[in-house]
PDB file of N, CA and C in Angstrom:
ATOM      1  N   MET A   1     106.106 -56.161 167.104  1.00  0.00           N
ATOM      2  CA  MET A   1     104.697 -55.904 166.923  1.00  0.00           C
ATOM      3  C   MET A   1     104.472 -55.418 165.500  1.00  0.00           C
ATOM      4  N   ALA A   2     103.578 -56.058 164.822  1.00  0.00           N
ATOM      5  CA  ALA A   2     103.274 -55.709 163.451  1.00  0.00           C
ATOM      6  C   ALA A   2     102.325 -54.517 163.376  1.00  0.00           C
ATOM      7  N   PHE A   3     102.413 -53.811 162.274  1.00  0.00           N
ATOM      8  CA  PHE A   3     101.552 -52.664 162.037  1.00  0.00           C
ATOM      9  C   PHE A   3     100.285 -53.159 161.342  1.00  0.00           C
ATOM     10  N   THR A   4      99.261 -53.456 162.132  1.00  0.00           N
ATOM     11  CA  THR A   4      98.043 -54.040 161.599  1.00  0.00           C
ATOM     12  C   THR A   4      96.850 -53.132 161.895  1.00  0.00           C
ATOM     13  N   ILE A   5      95.728 -53.506 161.326  1.00  0.00           N
ATOM     14  CA  ILE A   5      94.501 -52.763 161.584  1.00  0.00           C
ATOM     15  C   ILE A   5      94.104 -52.905 163.055  1.00  0.00           C
ATOM     16  N   TYR A   6      94.342 -54.079 163.612  1.00  0.00           N
ATOM     17  CA  TYR A   6      94.022 -54.311 165.023  1.00  0.00           C
ATOM     18  C   TYR A   6      94.874 -53.395 165.916  1.00  0.00           C
ATOM     19  N   ALA A   7      96.159 -53.217 165.573  1.00  0.00           N
ATOM     20  CA  ALA A   7      96.995 -52.309 166.342  1.00  0.00           C
ATOM     21  C   ALA A   7      96.518 -50.864 166.232  1.00  0.00           C
ATOM     22  N   LEU A   8      96.065 -50.468 165.060  1.00  0.00           N
ATOM     23  CA  LEU A   8      95.507 -49.122 164.884  1.00  0.00           C
ATOM     24  C   LEU A   8      94.228 -48.939 165.690  1.00  0.00           C
ATOM     25  N   MET A   9      93.402 -49.988 165.735  1.00  0.00           N
ATOM     26  CA  MET A   9      92.167 -49.905 166.519  1.00  0.00           C
ATOM     27  C   MET A   9      92.466 -49.811 168.010  1.00  0.00           C
ATOM     28  N   LYS A  10      93.471 -50.548 168.474  1.00  0.00           N
ATOM     29  CA  LYS A  10      93.861 -50.451 169.874  1.00  0.00           C
ATOM     30  C   LYS A  10      94.409 -49.060 170.199  1.00  0.00           C
ATOM     31  N   ALA A  11      95.168 -48.487 169.290  1.00  0.00           N
ATOM     32  CA  ALA A  11      95.690 -47.137 169.516  1.00  0.00           C
ATOM     33  C   ALA A  11      94.557 -46.113 169.546  1.00  0.00           C
ATOM     34  N   GLY A  12      93.587 -46.264 168.682  1.00  0.00           N
ATOM     35  CA  GLY A  12      92.423 -45.384 168.701  1.00  0.00           C
ATOM     36  C   GLY A  12      91.619 -45.534 169.978  1.00  0.00           C
ATOM     37  N   LEU A  13      91.494 -46.762 170.461  1.00  0.00           N
ATOM     38  CA  LEU A  13      90.793 -46.990 171.729  1.00  0.00           C
ATOM     39  C   LEU A  13      91.534 -46.369 172.903  1.00  0.00           C
ATOM     40  N   LEU A  14      92.834 -46.437 172.885  1.00  0.00           N
ATOM     41  CA  LEU A  14      93.624 -45.796 173.953  1.00  0.00           C
ATOM     42  C   LEU A  14      93.470 -44.275 173.908  1.00  0.00           C
ATOM     43  N   LEU A  15      93.415 -43.689 172.721  1.00  0.00           N
ATOM     44  CA  LEU A  15      93.218 -42.246 172.611  1.00  0.00           C
ATOM     45  C   LEU A  15      91.825 -41.818 173.086  1.00  0.00           C
ATOM     46  N   LEU A  16      90.811 -42.636 172.761  1.00  0.00           N
ATOM     47  CA  LEU A  16      89.469 -42.346 173.264  1.00  0.00           C
ATOM     48  C   LEU A  16      89.404 -42.437 174.766  1.00  0.00           C
ATOM     49  N   ASN A  17      90.084 -43.443 175.338  1.00  0.00           N
ATOM     50  CA  ASN A  17      90.129 -43.580 176.787  1.00  0.00           C
ATOM     51  C   ASN A  17      90.843 -42.380 177.423  1.00  0.00           C
ATOM     52  N   ALA A  18      91.895 -41.917 176.784  1.00  0.00           N
ATOM     53  CA  ALA A  18      92.623 -40.780 177.327  1.00  0.00           C
ATOM     54  C   ALA A  18      91.764 -39.528 177.303  1.00  0.00           C
ATOM     55  N   ALA A  19      90.984 -39.334 176.243  1.00  0.00           N
ATOM     56  CA  ALA A  19      90.103 -38.169 176.182  1.00  0.00           C
ATOM     57  C   ALA A  19      88.954 -38.283 177.169  1.00  0.00           C
ATOM     58  N   ALA A  20      88.516 -39.502 177.445  1.00  0.00           N
ATOM     59  CA  ALA A  20      87.379 -39.712 178.357  1.00  0.00           C
ATOM     60  C   ALA A  20      87.751 -39.439 179.807  1.00  0.00           C
ATOM     61  N   ILE A  21      89.011 -39.636 180.161  1.00  0.00           N
ATOM     62  CA  ILE A  21      89.362 -39.491 181.575  1.00  0.00           C
ATOM     63  C   ILE A  21      90.025 -38.169 181.905  1.00  0.00           C
ATOM     64  N   LEU A  22      90.137 -37.251 180.923  1.00  0.00           N
ATOM     65  CA  LEU A  22      90.704 -35.932 181.223  1.00  0.00           C
ATOM     66  C   LEU A  22      89.835 -35.228 182.252  1.00  0.00           C
ATOM     67  N   HIS A  23      90.457 -34.750 183.302  1.00  0.00           N
ATOM     68  CA  HIS A  23      89.718 -34.077 184.365  1.00  0.00           C
ATOM     69  C   HIS A  23      89.693 -32.591 184.076  1.00  0.00           C
ATOM     70  N   LYS A  24      88.497 -32.001 184.106  1.00  0.00           N
ATOM     71  CA  LYS A  24      88.365 -30.596 183.707  1.00  0.00           C
ATOM     72  C   LYS A  24      89.088 -29.666 184.657  1.00  0.00           C
ATOM     73  N   GLU A  25      88.892 -29.839 185.970  1.00  0.00           N
ATOM     74  CA  GLU A  25      89.502 -28.909 186.925  1.00  0.00           C
ATOM     75  C   GLU A  25      90.997 -29.082 187.044  1.00  0.00           C
ATOM     76  N   ARG A  26      91.467 -30.297 186.928  1.00  0.00           N
ATOM     77  CA  ARG A  26      92.912 -30.545 187.115  1.00  0.00           C
ATOM     78  C   ARG A  26      93.734 -30.255 185.888  1.00  0.00           C
ATOM     79  N   PHE A  27      93.180 -30.458 184.720  1.00  0.00           N
ATOM     80  CA  PHE A  27      93.997 -30.359 183.514  1.00  0.00           C
ATOM     81  C   PHE A  27      93.521 -29.230 182.593  1.00  0.00           C
ATOM     82  N   LEU A  28      92.256 -29.291 182.181  1.00  0.00           N
ATOM     83  CA  LEU A  28      91.784 -28.363 181.154  1.00  0.00           C
ATOM     84  C   LEU A  28      91.664 -26.925 181.669  1.00  0.00           C
ATOM     85  N   ASP A  29      91.162 -26.739 182.892  1.00  0.00           N
ATOM     86  CA  ASP A  29      91.002 -25.377 183.427  1.00  0.00           C
ATOM     87  C   ASP A  29      92.345 -24.689 183.646  1.00  0.00           C
ATOM     88  N   LYS A  30      93.357 -25.444 184.031  1.00  0.00           N
ATOM     89  CA  LYS A  30      94.679 -24.836 184.240  1.00  0.00           C
ATOM     90  C   LYS A  30      95.262 -24.288 182.939  1.00  0.00           C
ATOM     91  N   LEU A  31      94.903 -24.921 181.817  1.00  0.00           N
ATOM     92  CA  LEU A  31      95.383 -24.441 180.524  1.00  0.00           C
ATOM     93  C   LEU A  31      94.494 -23.368 179.928  1.00  0.00           C
ATOM     94  N   GLY A  32      93.392 -23.092 180.585  1.00  0.00           N
ATOM     95  CA  GLY A  32      92.442 -22.123 180.052  1.00  0.00           C
ATOM     96  C   GLY A  32      91.521 -22.704 178.988  1.00  0.00           C
ATOM     97  N   TRP A  33      91.441 -24.020 178.933  1.00  0.00           N
ATOM     98  CA  TRP A  33      90.614 -24.700 177.957  1.00  0.00           C
ATOM     99  C   TRP A  33      89.347 -25.158 178.649  1.00  0.00           C
ATOM    100  N   THR A  34      88.337 -24.317 178.646  1.00  0.00           N
ATOM    101  CA  THR A  34      87.092 -24.638 179.330  1.00  0.00           C
ATOM    102  C   THR A  34      85.944 -24.654 178.329  1.00  0.00           C
ATOM    103  N   GLU A  35      84.804 -25.140 178.792  1.00  0.00           N
ATOM    104  CA  GLU A  35      83.613 -25.121 177.951  1.00  0.00           C
ATOM    105  C   GLU A  35      83.165 -23.685 177.696  1.00  0.00           C
ATOM    106  N   GLN A  36      83.445 -22.805 178.638  1.00  0.00           N
ATOM    107  CA  GLN A  36      83.084 -21.403 178.452  1.00  0.00           C
ATOM    108  C   GLN A  36      83.861 -20.783 177.286  1.00  0.00           C
ATOM    109  N   ALA A  37      85.100 -21.208 177.095  1.00  0.00           N
ATOM    110  CA  ALA A  37      85.893 -20.706 175.957  1.00  0.00           C
ATOM    111  C   ALA A  37      85.282 -21.148 174.640  1.00  0.00           C
ATOM    112  N   VAL A  38      84.764 -22.378 174.603  1.00  0.00           N
ATOM    113  CA  VAL A  38      84.129 -22.888 173.384  1.00  0.00           C
ATOM    114  C   VAL A  38      82.839 -22.123 173.146  1.00  0.00           C
ATOM    115  N   MET A  39      82.053 -21.928 174.168  1.00  0.00           N
ATOM    116  CA  MET A  39      80.792 -21.218 174.006  1.00  0.00           C
ATOM    117  C   MET A  39      81.025 -19.754 173.623  1.00  0.00           C
ATOM    118  N   ALA A  40      82.064 -19.138 174.179  1.00  0.00           N
ATOM    119  CA  ALA A  40      82.371 -17.748 173.833  1.00  0.00           C
ATOM    120  C   ALA A  40      82.748 -17.615 172.370  1.00  0.00           C
ATOM    121  N   ALA A  41      83.507 -18.589 171.872  1.00  0.00           N
ATOM    122  CA  ALA A  41      83.909 -18.565 170.459  1.00  0.00           C
ATOM    123  C   ALA A  41      82.696 -18.771 169.553  1.00  0.00           C
ATOM    124  N   GLN A  42      81.744 -19.597 169.990  1.00  0.00           N
ATOM    125  CA  GLN A  42      80.567 -19.836 169.156  1.00  0.00           C
ATOM    126  C   GLN A  42      79.617 -18.639 169.170  1.00  0.00           C
ATOM    127  N   THR A  43      79.442 -17.998 170.337  1.00  0.00           N
ATOM    128  CA  THR A  43      78.492 -16.897 170.430  1.00  0.00           C
ATOM    129  C   THR A  43      79.058 -15.591 169.902  1.00  0.00           C
ATOM    130  N   MET A  44      80.360 -15.540 169.667  1.00  0.00           N
ATOM    131  CA  MET A  44      80.957 -14.305 169.144  1.00  0.00           C
ATOM    132  C   MET A  44      80.400 -13.966 167.778  1.00  0.00           C
ATOM    133  N   MET A  45      80.076 -14.997 166.995  1.00  0.00           N
ATOM    134  CA  MET A  45      79.572 -14.760 165.641  1.00  0.00           C
ATOM    135  C   MET A  45      78.104 -14.344 165.645  1.00  0.00           C
ATOM    136  N   THR A  46      77.383 -14.569 166.730  1.00  0.00           N
ATOM    137  CA  THR A  46      75.965 -14.210 166.770  1.00  0.00           C
ATOM    138  C   THR A  46      75.713 -12.888 167.465  1.00  0.00           C
ATOM    139  N   ASP A  47      76.752 -12.247 167.970  1.00  0.00           N
ATOM    140  CA  ASP A  47      76.610 -10.963 168.640  1.00  0.00           C
ATOM    141  C   ASP A  47      76.537  -9.861 167.582  1.00  0.00           C
ATOM    142  N   PRO A  48      75.427  -9.113 167.530  1.00  0.00           N
ATOM    143  CA  PRO A  48      75.308  -8.091 166.479  1.00  0.00           C
ATOM    144  C   PRO A  48      76.280  -6.926 166.649  1.00  0.00           C
ATOM    145  N   TYR A  49      76.884  -6.762 167.807  1.00  0.00           N
ATOM    146  CA  TYR A  49      77.842  -5.677 168.018  1.00  0.00           C
ATOM    147  C   TYR A  49      79.265  -6.101 167.664  1.00  0.00           C
ATOM    148  N   ASN A  50      79.443  -7.345 167.337  1.00  0.00           N
ATOM    149  CA  ASN A  50      80.746  -7.837 166.919  1.00  0.00           C
ATOM    150  C   ASN A  50      81.004  -7.450 165.466  1.00  0.00           C
ATOM    151  N   PRO A  51      82.196  -6.941 165.136  1.00  0.00           N
ATOM    152  CA  PRO A  51      82.444  -6.566 163.740  1.00  0.00           C
ATOM    153  C   PRO A  51      82.423  -7.741 162.780  1.00  0.00           C
ATOM    154  N   MET A  52      82.586  -8.974 163.288  1.00  0.00           N
ATOM    155  CA  MET A  52      82.583 -10.151 162.444  1.00  0.00           C
ATOM    156  C   MET A  52      81.179 -10.781 162.369  1.00  0.00           C
ATOM    157  N   TYR A  53      80.152 -10.046 162.819  1.00  0.00           N
ATOM    158  CA  TYR A  53      78.801 -10.552 162.847  1.00  0.00           C
ATOM    159  C   TYR A  53      78.315 -10.916 161.453  1.00  0.00           C
ATOM    160  N   GLY A  54      77.706 -12.077 161.345  1.00  0.00           N
ATOM    161  CA  GLY A  54      77.139 -12.508 160.074  1.00  0.00           C
ATOM    162  C   GLY A  54      78.098 -13.295 159.213  1.00  0.00           C
ATOM    163  N   GLN A  55      79.360 -13.359 159.586  1.00  0.00           N
ATOM    164  CA  GLN A  55      80.296 -14.141 158.801  1.00  0.00           C
ATOM    165  C   GLN A  55      80.238 -15.591 159.237  1.00  0.00           C
ATOM    166  N   ALA A  56      80.833 -16.427 158.464  1.00  0.00           N
ATOM    167  CA  ALA A  56      80.805 -17.860 158.762  1.00  0.00           C
ATOM    168  C   ALA A  56      81.519 -18.133 160.070  1.00  0.00           C
ATOM    169  N   PRO A  57      80.928 -18.937 160.966  1.00  0.00           N
ATOM    170  CA  PRO A  57      81.572 -19.212 162.249  1.00  0.00           C
ATOM    171  C   PRO A  57      82.902 -19.921 162.096  1.00  0.00           C
ATOM    172  N   GLN A  58      83.108 -20.664 161.022  1.00  0.00           N
ATOM    173  CA  GLN A  58      84.368 -21.377 160.847  1.00  0.00           C
ATOM    174  C   GLN A  58      85.519 -20.427 160.596  1.00  0.00           C
ATOM    175  N   ALA A  59      85.237 -19.208 160.213  1.00  0.00           N
ATOM    176  CA  ALA A  59      86.297 -18.270 159.909  1.00  0.00           C
ATOM    177  C   ALA A  59      87.143 -17.945 161.135  1.00  0.00           C
ATOM    178  N   GLN A  60      86.549 -17.972 162.301  1.00  0.00           N
ATOM    179  CA  GLN A  60      87.296 -17.585 163.492  1.00  0.00           C
ATOM    180  C   GLN A  60      87.238 -18.622 164.606  1.00  0.00           C
ATOM    181  N   SER A  61      86.127 -19.306 164.787  1.00  0.00           N
ATOM    182  CA  SER A  61      85.941 -20.089 165.990  1.00  0.00           C
ATOM    183  C   SER A  61      86.416 -21.537 165.891  1.00  0.00           C
ATOM    184  N   ASP A  62      86.608 -22.077 164.710  1.00  0.00           N
ATOM    185  CA  ASP A  62      87.015 -23.471 164.597  1.00  0.00           C
ATOM    186  C   ASP A  62      88.530 -23.609 164.516  1.00  0.00           C
ATOM    187  N   THR A  63      89.180 -23.201 165.560  1.00  0.00           N
ATOM    188  CA  THR A  63      90.621 -23.396 165.640  1.00  0.00           C
ATOM    189  C   THR A  63      90.885 -24.824 166.114  1.00  0.00           C
ATOM    190  N   MET A  64      92.134 -25.219 166.136  1.00  0.00           N
ATOM    191  CA  MET A  64      92.466 -26.563 166.628  1.00  0.00           C
ATOM    192  C   MET A  64      92.084 -26.721 168.092  1.00  0.00           C
ATOM    193  N   LYS A  65      92.293 -25.678 168.862  1.00  0.00           N
ATOM    194  CA  LYS A  65      91.937 -25.701 170.282  1.00  0.00           C
ATOM    195  C   LYS A  65      90.450 -25.932 170.480  1.00  0.00           C
ATOM    196  N   THR A  66      89.627 -25.205 169.720  1.00  0.00           N
ATOM    197  CA  THR A  66      88.182 -25.352 169.818  1.00  0.00           C
ATOM    198  C   THR A  66      87.734 -26.722 169.379  1.00  0.00           C
ATOM    199  N   GLN A  67      88.300 -27.229 168.294  1.00  0.00           N
ATOM    200  CA  GLN A  67      87.943 -28.561 167.823  1.00  0.00           C
ATOM    201  C   GLN A  67      88.351 -29.622 168.833  1.00  0.00           C
ATOM    202  N   PHE A  68      89.512 -29.481 169.439  1.00  0.00           N
ATOM    203  CA  PHE A  68      89.967 -30.434 170.448  1.00  0.00           C
ATOM    204  C   PHE A  68      89.027 -30.409 171.664  1.00  0.00           C
ATOM    205  N   LEU A  69      88.641 -29.212 172.104  1.00  0.00           N
ATOM    206  CA  LEU A  69      87.732 -29.102 173.244  1.00  0.00           C
ATOM    207  C   LEU A  69      86.367 -29.706 172.935  1.00  0.00           C
ATOM    208  N   LYS A  70      85.860 -29.461 171.731  1.00  0.00           N
ATOM    209  CA  LYS A  70      84.580 -30.061 171.351  1.00  0.00           C
ATOM    210  C   LYS A  70      84.671 -31.583 171.316  1.00  0.00           C
ATOM    211  N   PHE A  71      85.811 -32.102 170.836  1.00  0.00           N
ATOM    212  CA  PHE A  71      86.020 -33.552 170.801  1.00  0.00           C
ATOM    213  C   PHE A  71      86.043 -34.126 172.206  1.00  0.00           C
ATOM    214  N   VAL A  72      86.771 -33.497 173.116  1.00  0.00           N
ATOM    215  CA  VAL A  72      86.884 -33.984 174.480  1.00  0.00           C
ATOM    216  C   VAL A  72      85.532 -33.947 175.175  1.00  0.00           C
ATOM    217  N   ILE A  73      84.788 -32.853 174.997  1.00  0.00           N
ATOM    218  CA  ILE A  73      83.463 -32.740 175.614  1.00  0.00           C
ATOM    219  C   ILE A  73      82.523 -33.793 175.056  1.00  0.00           C
ATOM    220  N   ALA A  74      82.572 -34.036 173.749  1.00  0.00           N
ATOM    221  CA  ALA A  74      81.706 -35.044 173.152  1.00  0.00           C
ATOM    222  C   ALA A  74      82.060 -36.447 173.631  1.00  0.00           C
ATOM    223  N   VAL A  75      83.344 -36.741 173.711  1.00  0.00           N
ATOM    224  CA  VAL A  75      83.742 -38.059 174.199  1.00  0.00           C
ATOM    225  C   VAL A  75      83.321 -38.269 175.653  1.00  0.00           C
ATOM    226  N   GLN A  76      83.465 -37.221 176.472  1.00  0.00           N
ATOM    227  CA  GLN A  76      83.129 -37.362 177.875  1.00  0.00           C
ATOM    228  C   GLN A  76      81.619 -37.493 178.097  1.00  0.00           C
ATOM    229  N   THR A  77      80.815 -36.929 177.218  1.00  0.00           N
ATOM    230  CA  THR A  77      79.368 -37.013 177.441  1.00  0.00           C
ATOM    231  C   THR A  77      78.735 -38.186 176.709  1.00  0.00           C
ATOM    232  N   ILE A  78      79.214 -38.508 175.529  1.00  0.00           N
ATOM    233  CA  ILE A  78      78.546 -39.532 174.708  1.00  0.00           C
ATOM    234  C   ILE A  78      79.213 -40.887 174.834  1.00  0.00           C
ATOM    235  N   MET A  79      80.523 -40.932 174.856  1.00  0.00           N
ATOM    236  CA  MET A  79      81.231 -42.219 174.755  1.00  0.00           C
ATOM    237  C   MET A  79      81.596 -42.862 176.079  1.00  0.00           C
ATOM    238  N   ARG A  80      81.211 -42.269 177.204  1.00  0.00           N
ATOM    239  CA  ARG A  80      81.622 -42.813 178.496  1.00  0.00           C
ATOM    240  C   ARG A  80      81.119 -44.242 178.707  1.00  0.00           C
ATOM    241  N   VAL A  81      79.822 -44.471 178.517  1.00  0.00           N
ATOM    242  CA  VAL A  81      79.241 -45.799 178.744  1.00  0.00           C
ATOM    243  C   VAL A  81      79.642 -46.783 177.641  1.00  0.00           C
ATOM    244  N   PRO A  82      79.555 -46.425 176.336  1.00  0.00           N
ATOM    245  CA  PRO A  82      79.993 -47.373 175.329  1.00  0.00           C
ATOM    246  C   PRO A  82      81.468 -47.770 175.451  1.00  0.00           C
ATOM    247  N   LEU A  83      82.302 -46.862 175.947  1.00  0.00           N
ATOM    248  CA  LEU A  83      83.719 -47.221 176.112  1.00  0.00           C
ATOM    249  C   LEU A  83      83.917 -48.335 177.117  1.00  0.00           C
ATOM    250  N   ILE A  84      83.064 -48.439 178.108  1.00  0.00           N
ATOM    251  CA  ILE A  84      83.168 -49.521 179.082  1.00  0.00           C
ATOM    252  C   ILE A  84      83.030 -50.861 178.371  1.00  0.00           C
ATOM    253  N   PHE A  85      81.996 -50.988 177.523  1.00  0.00           N
ATOM    254  CA  PHE A  85      81.771 -52.243 176.820  1.00  0.00           C
ATOM    255  C   PHE A  85      82.817 -52.494 175.740  1.00  0.00           C
ATOM    256  N   ILE A  86      83.261 -51.458 175.089  1.00  0.00           N
ATOM    257  CA  ILE A  86      84.324 -51.629 174.073  1.00  0.00           C
ATOM    258  C   ILE A  86      85.618 -52.076 174.744  1.00  0.00           C
ATOM    259  N   ASN A  87      85.927 -51.518 175.906  1.00  0.00           N
ATOM    260  CA  ASN A  87      87.130 -51.925 176.635  1.00  0.00           C
ATOM    261  C   ASN A  87      87.024 -53.364 177.110  1.00  0.00           C
ATOM    262  N   LEU A  88      85.842 -53.748 177.601  1.00  0.00           N
ATOM    263  CA  LEU A  88      85.646 -55.142 178.037  1.00  0.00           C
ATOM    264  C   LEU A  88      85.839 -56.097 176.865  1.00  0.00           C
ATOM    265  N   PHE A  89      85.304 -55.735 175.711  1.00  0.00           N
ATOM    266  CA  PHE A  89      85.488 -56.569 174.499  1.00  0.00           C
ATOM    267  C   PHE A  89      86.942 -56.638 174.102  1.00  0.00           C
ATOM    268  N   ALA A  90      87.654 -55.517 174.136  1.00  0.00           N
ATOM    269  CA  ALA A  90      89.068 -55.492 173.734  1.00  0.00           C
ATOM    270  C   ALA A  90      89.914 -56.305 174.698  1.00  0.00           C
ATOM    271  N   ILE A  91      89.613 -56.197 176.001  1.00  0.00           N
ATOM    272  CA  ILE A  91      90.388 -56.967 176.992  1.00  0.00           C
ATOM    273  C   ILE A  91      90.127 -58.460 176.821  1.00  0.00           C
ATOM    274  N   SER A  92      88.858 -58.832 176.652  1.00  0.00           N
ATOM    275  CA  SER A  92      88.561 -60.268 176.467  1.00  0.00           C
ATOM    276  C   SER A  92      89.173 -60.814 175.187  1.00  0.00           C
ATOM    277  N   LEU A  93      89.156 -60.017 174.122  1.00  0.00           N
ATOM    278  CA  LEU A  93      89.784 -60.441 172.864  1.00  0.00           C
ATOM    279  C   LEU A  93      91.281 -60.593 173.061  1.00  0.00           C
ATOM    280  N   GLU A  94      91.877 -59.702 173.799  1.00  0.00           N
ATOM    281  CA  GLU A  94      93.331 -59.765 174.063  1.00  0.00           C
ATOM    282  C   GLU A  94      93.675 -60.999 174.904  1.00  0.00           C
ATOM    283  N   LEU A  95      92.832 -61.321 175.873  1.00  0.00           N
ATOM    284  CA  LEU A  95      93.061 -62.493 176.711  1.00  0.00           C
ATOM    285  C   LEU A  95      92.889 -63.792 175.927  1.00  0.00           C
ATOM    286  N   LEU A  96      91.884 -63.824 175.041  1.00  0.00           N
ATOM    287  CA  LEU A  96      91.613 -65.050 174.305  1.00  0.00           C
ATOM    288  C   LEU A  96      92.631 -65.288 173.187  1.00  0.00           C
ATOM    289  N   LEU A  97      92.978 -64.257 172.469  1.00  0.00           N
ATOM    290  CA  LEU A  97      93.838 -64.427 171.284  1.00  0.00           C
ATOM    291  C   LEU A  97      95.311 -64.078 171.547  1.00  0.00           C
ATOM    292  N   GLY A  98      95.559 -63.413 172.631  1.00  0.00           N
ATOM    293  CA  GLY A  98      96.932 -63.094 172.975  1.00  0.00           C
ATOM    294  C   GLY A  98      97.409 -61.884 172.357  1.00  0.00           C
TER     295      GLY A  98
END
């Protein structure tokens, strides 16, 4: 298999599909990665009783975990329907061209 742009696009499509089908209760909640954790990290900077109040939110809340959770939530809410059509196109292209 050659390392082509088409292979990279298929790999990206597989990663998007993997993020779209992650089950919150079975996988993310067991790891402690919930939407509440993302919201708590975002609201921590707006709490006037927090010692870090008024500082840039990226200083504390944009960790890799938070970014990954935001990505998964965005893919599950926004990309669910477009992924169906993108997958149908990719499958038909694979069937036609091999």
